[in-house]
N, C-alpha and C. Protein backbone atom coordinates (compact mmCIF):
# COMPACT_ATOMS: atom_id res chain seq x y z
N MET A 1 6.24 -10.71 54.77
CA MET A 1 6.80 -11.56 53.74
C MET A 1 5.70 -12.21 52.91
N LYS A 2 4.62 -12.66 53.56
CA LYS A 2 3.52 -13.30 52.84
C LYS A 2 2.85 -12.30 51.91
N LYS A 3 2.71 -11.04 52.36
CA LYS A 3 2.06 -10.03 51.52
C LYS A 3 2.88 -9.77 50.26
N ILE A 4 4.17 -9.74 50.37
CA ILE A 4 5.03 -9.51 49.21
C ILE A 4 4.90 -10.67 48.22
N LEU A 5 4.90 -11.90 48.70
CA LEU A 5 4.76 -13.05 47.81
C LEU A 5 3.42 -13.07 47.13
N ILE A 6 2.36 -12.73 47.87
CA ILE A 6 1.02 -12.68 47.28
C ILE A 6 0.98 -11.61 46.20
N CYS A 7 1.54 -10.44 46.47
CA CYS A 7 1.56 -9.36 45.49
C CYS A 7 2.36 -9.77 44.25
N GLN A 8 3.50 -10.41 44.45
CA GLN A 8 4.30 -10.85 43.30
C GLN A 8 3.55 -11.89 42.47
N ALA A 9 2.84 -12.78 43.15
CA ALA A 9 2.06 -13.79 42.43
C ALA A 9 0.94 -13.13 41.64
N PHE A 10 0.30 -12.12 42.24
CA PHE A 10 -0.78 -11.41 41.55
C PHE A 10 -0.24 -10.69 40.31
N VAL A 11 0.89 -10.01 40.45
CA VAL A 11 1.51 -9.31 39.33
C VAL A 11 1.87 -10.31 38.23
N ALA A 12 2.39 -11.45 38.60
CA ALA A 12 2.77 -12.47 37.62
C ALA A 12 1.54 -12.97 36.87
N VAL A 13 0.43 -13.19 37.59
CA VAL A 13 -0.81 -13.66 36.95
C VAL A 13 -1.33 -12.60 35.99
N VAL A 14 -1.36 -11.34 36.40
CA VAL A 14 -1.84 -10.25 35.55
C VAL A 14 -0.95 -10.13 34.32
N PHE A 15 0.34 -10.18 34.51
CA PHE A 15 1.28 -10.07 33.40
C PHE A 15 1.06 -11.21 32.40
N LEU A 16 0.97 -12.43 32.91
CA LEU A 16 0.80 -13.58 32.02
C LEU A 16 -0.55 -13.53 31.32
N SER A 17 -1.58 -13.05 31.98
CA SER A 17 -2.89 -12.92 31.35
C SER A 17 -2.81 -11.94 30.21
N GLY A 18 -2.13 -10.83 30.43
CA GLY A 18 -1.97 -9.82 29.38
C GLY A 18 -1.21 -10.37 28.20
N ALA A 19 -0.19 -11.18 28.44
CA ALA A 19 0.60 -11.75 27.35
C ALA A 19 -0.27 -12.65 26.49
N ASN A 20 -1.13 -13.45 27.13
CA ASN A 20 -2.00 -14.33 26.37
C ASN A 20 -2.99 -13.54 25.53
N SER A 21 -3.55 -12.47 26.10
CA SER A 21 -4.52 -11.69 25.33
C SER A 21 -3.84 -10.99 24.18
N CYS A 22 -2.58 -10.58 24.34
CA CYS A 22 -1.85 -9.96 23.24
C CYS A 22 -1.63 -10.97 22.12
N GLU A 23 -1.29 -12.20 22.49
CA GLU A 23 -1.08 -13.23 21.48
C GLU A 23 -2.35 -13.48 20.70
N LYS A 24 -3.49 -13.53 21.39
CA LYS A 24 -4.77 -13.74 20.73
C LYS A 24 -5.07 -12.55 19.82
N SER A 25 -4.83 -11.35 20.31
CA SER A 25 -5.08 -10.15 19.52
C SER A 25 -4.20 -10.14 18.27
N GLU A 26 -2.94 -10.50 18.43
CA GLU A 26 -2.01 -10.52 17.30
C GLU A 26 -2.50 -11.52 16.25
N GLY A 27 -3.01 -12.64 16.68
CA GLY A 27 -3.54 -13.64 15.75
C GLY A 27 -4.71 -13.09 14.97
N LYS A 28 -5.58 -12.34 15.64
CA LYS A 28 -6.73 -11.73 14.97
C LYS A 28 -6.26 -10.70 13.96
N GLU A 29 -5.22 -9.93 14.30
CA GLU A 29 -4.71 -8.92 13.39
C GLU A 29 -4.13 -9.58 12.14
N ILE A 30 -3.42 -10.68 12.33
CA ILE A 30 -2.83 -11.39 11.19
C ILE A 30 -3.95 -11.94 10.31
N GLU A 31 -4.99 -12.50 10.93
CA GLU A 31 -6.12 -13.03 10.18
C GLU A 31 -6.84 -11.92 9.42
N ALA A 32 -7.04 -10.76 10.06
CA ALA A 32 -7.69 -9.62 9.40
C ALA A 32 -6.85 -9.13 8.23
N HIS A 33 -5.52 -9.12 8.38
CA HIS A 33 -4.64 -8.67 7.31
C HIS A 33 -4.74 -9.64 6.12
N ALA A 34 -4.79 -10.93 6.39
CA ALA A 34 -4.91 -11.92 5.32
C ALA A 34 -6.21 -11.74 4.56
N LYS A 35 -7.31 -11.52 5.30
CA LYS A 35 -8.59 -11.27 4.66
C LYS A 35 -8.53 -10.01 3.82
N SER A 36 -7.88 -8.99 4.34
CA SER A 36 -7.73 -7.73 3.63
C SER A 36 -6.99 -7.93 2.32
N GLU A 37 -5.92 -8.71 2.33
CA GLU A 37 -5.15 -8.97 1.12
C GLU A 37 -5.99 -9.72 0.10
N ASN A 38 -6.82 -10.67 0.56
CA ASN A 38 -7.69 -11.41 -0.35
C ASN A 38 -8.71 -10.48 -1.00
N ILE A 39 -9.28 -9.59 -0.21
CA ILE A 39 -10.26 -8.66 -0.73
C ILE A 39 -9.60 -7.70 -1.72
N LYS A 40 -8.39 -7.23 -1.41
CA LYS A 40 -7.68 -6.35 -2.34
C LYS A 40 -7.48 -7.03 -3.68
N ALA A 41 -7.16 -8.30 -3.67
CA ALA A 41 -6.96 -9.04 -4.92
C ALA A 41 -8.26 -9.13 -5.70
N GLU A 42 -9.38 -9.34 -4.99
CA GLU A 42 -10.68 -9.41 -5.64
C GLU A 42 -11.09 -8.07 -6.22
N LEU A 43 -10.63 -6.97 -5.63
CA LEU A 43 -11.03 -5.64 -6.06
C LEU A 43 -10.35 -5.19 -7.36
N LYS A 44 -9.42 -5.96 -7.84
CA LYS A 44 -8.71 -5.58 -9.06
C LYS A 44 -9.52 -6.00 -10.29
N ALA A 45 -10.74 -5.50 -10.39
CA ALA A 45 -11.57 -5.75 -11.56
C ALA A 45 -11.13 -4.81 -12.67
N SER A 46 -11.49 -5.16 -13.89
CA SER A 46 -11.02 -4.34 -15.01
C SER A 46 -12.03 -3.26 -15.39
N CYS A 47 -11.52 -2.27 -16.11
CA CYS A 47 -12.33 -1.16 -16.60
C CYS A 47 -12.21 -1.09 -18.12
N ARG A 48 -13.14 -0.37 -18.73
CA ARG A 48 -13.09 -0.17 -20.18
C ARG A 48 -12.85 1.29 -20.54
N GLU A 49 -13.36 2.18 -19.70
CA GLU A 49 -13.19 3.62 -19.95
C GLU A 49 -13.03 4.35 -18.63
N ASP A 50 -12.58 5.59 -18.70
CA ASP A 50 -12.30 6.37 -17.49
C ASP A 50 -13.50 6.46 -16.56
N GLU A 51 -14.69 6.51 -17.12
CA GLU A 51 -15.91 6.64 -16.31
C GLU A 51 -16.19 5.41 -15.45
N ASP A 52 -15.53 4.30 -15.75
CA ASP A 52 -15.68 3.08 -14.95
C ASP A 52 -14.92 3.17 -13.63
N CYS A 53 -14.04 4.16 -13.52
CA CYS A 53 -13.15 4.28 -12.35
C CYS A 53 -13.54 5.44 -11.46
N THR A 54 -13.17 5.33 -10.20
CA THR A 54 -13.35 6.40 -9.23
C THR A 54 -12.23 6.30 -8.20
N THR A 55 -12.19 7.25 -7.28
CA THR A 55 -11.19 7.21 -6.22
C THR A 55 -11.86 6.96 -4.88
N ILE A 56 -11.16 6.23 -4.02
CA ILE A 56 -11.58 6.03 -2.63
C ILE A 56 -10.33 6.12 -1.77
N LYS A 57 -10.54 6.26 -0.46
CA LYS A 57 -9.37 6.32 0.41
C LYS A 57 -8.62 5.00 0.35
N LYS A 58 -7.31 5.10 0.38
CA LYS A 58 -6.44 3.92 0.23
C LYS A 58 -6.39 3.09 1.50
N ASP A 59 -6.45 3.75 2.63
CA ASP A 59 -6.37 3.06 3.90
C ASP A 59 -7.43 3.65 4.83
N CYS A 60 -7.25 3.51 6.11
CA CYS A 60 -8.26 3.96 7.07
C CYS A 60 -8.54 5.46 6.99
N CYS A 61 -7.54 6.24 6.69
CA CYS A 61 -7.69 7.70 6.65
C CYS A 61 -7.53 8.20 5.22
N GLY A 62 -8.47 9.01 4.77
CA GLY A 62 -8.43 9.54 3.42
C GLY A 62 -7.64 10.83 3.32
N CYS A 63 -7.75 11.47 2.17
CA CYS A 63 -6.96 12.67 1.89
C CYS A 63 -7.31 13.85 2.80
N ARG A 64 -8.50 13.90 3.32
CA ARG A 64 -8.88 14.98 4.24
C ARG A 64 -8.49 14.67 5.68
N GLN A 65 -7.83 13.53 5.85
CA GLN A 65 -7.41 13.10 7.19
C GLN A 65 -5.96 12.64 7.20
N GLY A 66 -5.14 13.26 6.36
CA GLY A 66 -3.72 12.95 6.35
C GLY A 66 -3.34 11.67 5.62
N GLY A 67 -4.28 11.05 4.92
CA GLY A 67 -4.02 9.78 4.25
C GLY A 67 -3.79 9.91 2.77
N SER A 68 -4.26 8.92 2.03
CA SER A 68 -4.08 8.90 0.58
C SER A 68 -5.31 8.26 -0.06
N GLN A 69 -5.31 8.24 -1.40
CA GLN A 69 -6.42 7.64 -2.12
C GLN A 69 -5.90 6.69 -3.19
N ARG A 70 -6.81 5.89 -3.74
CA ARG A 70 -6.46 4.97 -4.80
C ARG A 70 -7.58 4.92 -5.81
N ALA A 71 -7.27 4.45 -7.00
CA ALA A 71 -8.27 4.30 -8.05
C ALA A 71 -8.87 2.91 -7.96
N ILE A 72 -10.17 2.83 -8.25
CA ILE A 72 -10.88 1.56 -8.16
C ILE A 72 -12.03 1.57 -9.15
N VAL A 73 -12.42 0.38 -9.61
CA VAL A 73 -13.57 0.25 -10.48
C VAL A 73 -14.82 0.56 -9.65
N LYS A 74 -15.71 1.37 -10.20
CA LYS A 74 -16.91 1.81 -9.47
C LYS A 74 -17.73 0.65 -8.92
N ASP A 75 -17.78 -0.45 -9.64
CA ASP A 75 -18.57 -1.61 -9.20
C ASP A 75 -18.06 -2.19 -7.87
N GLN A 76 -16.82 -1.89 -7.53
CA GLN A 76 -16.20 -2.48 -6.34
C GLN A 76 -16.18 -1.56 -5.13
N VAL A 77 -16.75 -0.36 -5.25
CA VAL A 77 -16.67 0.64 -4.18
C VAL A 77 -17.29 0.14 -2.88
N GLU A 78 -18.48 -0.40 -2.94
CA GLU A 78 -19.16 -0.84 -1.72
C GLU A 78 -18.38 -1.95 -1.01
N LYS A 79 -17.85 -2.87 -1.78
CA LYS A 79 -17.06 -3.96 -1.19
C LYS A 79 -15.80 -3.41 -0.53
N ALA A 80 -15.16 -2.45 -1.18
CA ALA A 80 -13.94 -1.83 -0.62
C ALA A 80 -14.26 -1.06 0.65
N LYS A 81 -15.37 -0.33 0.65
CA LYS A 81 -15.76 0.42 1.85
C LYS A 81 -16.06 -0.51 3.01
N GLU A 82 -16.70 -1.63 2.72
CA GLU A 82 -17.01 -2.60 3.77
C GLU A 82 -15.72 -3.19 4.36
N GLU A 83 -14.75 -3.48 3.49
CA GLU A 83 -13.47 -4.01 3.95
C GLU A 83 -12.76 -2.98 4.83
N LEU A 84 -12.77 -1.72 4.43
CA LEU A 84 -12.14 -0.67 5.24
C LEU A 84 -12.87 -0.49 6.57
N LYS A 85 -14.18 -0.57 6.53
CA LYS A 85 -14.97 -0.43 7.76
C LYS A 85 -14.57 -1.51 8.77
N THR A 86 -14.42 -2.73 8.29
CA THR A 86 -14.03 -3.85 9.16
C THR A 86 -12.61 -3.67 9.67
N ARG A 87 -11.69 -3.37 8.77
CA ARG A 87 -10.28 -3.28 9.13
C ARG A 87 -9.96 -2.05 9.98
N CYS A 88 -10.72 -0.99 9.80
CA CYS A 88 -10.37 0.28 10.44
C CYS A 88 -11.22 0.62 11.65
N SER A 89 -12.03 -0.31 12.12
CA SER A 89 -12.85 0.01 13.29
C SER A 89 -11.93 0.35 14.46
N GLY A 90 -12.22 1.44 15.11
CA GLY A 90 -11.41 1.87 16.24
C GLY A 90 -10.24 2.76 15.86
N VAL A 91 -10.01 2.98 14.58
CA VAL A 91 -8.90 3.84 14.14
C VAL A 91 -9.39 5.29 14.11
N MET A 92 -8.62 6.16 14.71
CA MET A 92 -8.94 7.59 14.66
C MET A 92 -7.97 8.28 13.72
N CYS A 93 -8.49 9.15 12.88
CA CYS A 93 -7.67 9.87 11.91
C CYS A 93 -7.55 11.33 12.30
N ILE A 94 -6.45 11.94 11.92
CA ILE A 94 -6.27 13.36 12.18
C ILE A 94 -7.10 14.16 11.18
N GLN A 95 -7.44 15.36 11.50
CA GLN A 95 -8.16 16.23 10.58
C GLN A 95 -7.15 17.19 9.96
N ALA A 96 -6.54 16.75 8.87
CA ALA A 96 -5.53 17.55 8.19
C ALA A 96 -5.51 17.15 6.72
N ILE A 97 -5.41 18.12 5.86
CA ILE A 97 -5.31 17.85 4.43
C ILE A 97 -3.98 17.16 4.15
N SER A 98 -4.04 16.05 3.44
CA SER A 98 -2.85 15.27 3.15
C SER A 98 -2.00 15.93 2.07
N THR A 99 -0.71 15.69 2.15
CA THR A 99 0.21 16.17 1.11
C THR A 99 0.64 15.01 0.20
N ASP A 100 0.00 13.85 0.34
CA ASP A 100 0.32 12.69 -0.48
C ASP A 100 -0.02 13.00 -1.94
N ASP A 101 0.86 12.61 -2.86
CA ASP A 101 0.67 12.86 -4.30
C ASP A 101 -0.65 12.30 -4.82
N SER A 102 -1.10 11.18 -4.29
CA SER A 102 -2.32 10.55 -4.79
C SER A 102 -3.54 11.45 -4.63
N CYS A 103 -3.49 12.34 -3.66
CA CYS A 103 -4.65 13.20 -3.36
C CYS A 103 -4.89 14.27 -4.42
N THR A 104 -3.94 14.50 -5.29
CA THR A 104 -4.10 15.51 -6.33
C THR A 104 -4.36 14.87 -7.69
N LYS A 105 -4.48 13.55 -7.73
CA LYS A 105 -4.64 12.85 -9.00
C LYS A 105 -6.08 12.39 -9.22
N ASN A 106 -6.39 12.12 -10.48
CA ASN A 106 -7.70 11.63 -10.87
C ASN A 106 -7.60 10.18 -11.31
N SER A 107 -8.71 9.47 -11.22
CA SER A 107 -8.72 8.07 -11.65
C SER A 107 -8.97 7.99 -13.15
N LEU A 108 -8.20 7.13 -13.80
CA LEU A 108 -8.33 6.88 -15.24
C LEU A 108 -8.25 5.38 -15.49
N CYS A 109 -8.78 4.97 -16.64
CA CYS A 109 -8.68 3.57 -17.06
C CYS A 109 -7.53 3.46 -18.05
N LYS A 110 -6.52 2.66 -17.69
CA LYS A 110 -5.36 2.45 -18.56
C LYS A 110 -5.15 0.94 -18.71
N SER A 111 -5.22 0.48 -19.92
CA SER A 111 -5.00 -0.96 -20.22
C SER A 111 -5.85 -1.86 -19.35
N GLY A 112 -7.09 -1.47 -19.11
CA GLY A 112 -8.02 -2.30 -18.34
C GLY A 112 -7.91 -2.18 -16.84
N ASN A 113 -7.05 -1.28 -16.34
CA ASN A 113 -6.88 -1.09 -14.90
C ASN A 113 -7.15 0.36 -14.52
N CYS A 114 -7.77 0.56 -13.38
CA CYS A 114 -7.98 1.91 -12.86
C CYS A 114 -6.68 2.37 -12.21
N VAL A 115 -6.22 3.54 -12.61
CA VAL A 115 -4.97 4.09 -12.09
C VAL A 115 -5.18 5.55 -11.74
N LEU A 116 -4.27 6.10 -10.96
CA LEU A 116 -4.28 7.52 -10.63
C LEU A 116 -3.27 8.25 -11.52
N GLU A 117 -3.69 9.34 -12.10
CA GLU A 117 -2.79 10.19 -12.89
C GLU A 117 -3.14 11.64 -12.68
């Protein structure tokens, strides 16, 4: 009887420890997402001509890994890559050509914004 109670207490401690670490992890994910949204807002710099724009992967996985791409002002590429590096650490992507429409488009400057067409 004592062994069963000790085992149940151990399981309860392990379970509760895991719940706390999940809550901490979830908080970090929410904080990382908020930072990501702030950086995305900063990355919306304007362009003057098509040559000011380029494409980068939209999320952790690009077009050669089942993902998608987006248009961005060339001046912001390094900042965007750094943000993705931070947000996507530990993410593994598949090795497959994406069928997302964005992967077949080019970046252009339209009304001061880089867009895909």
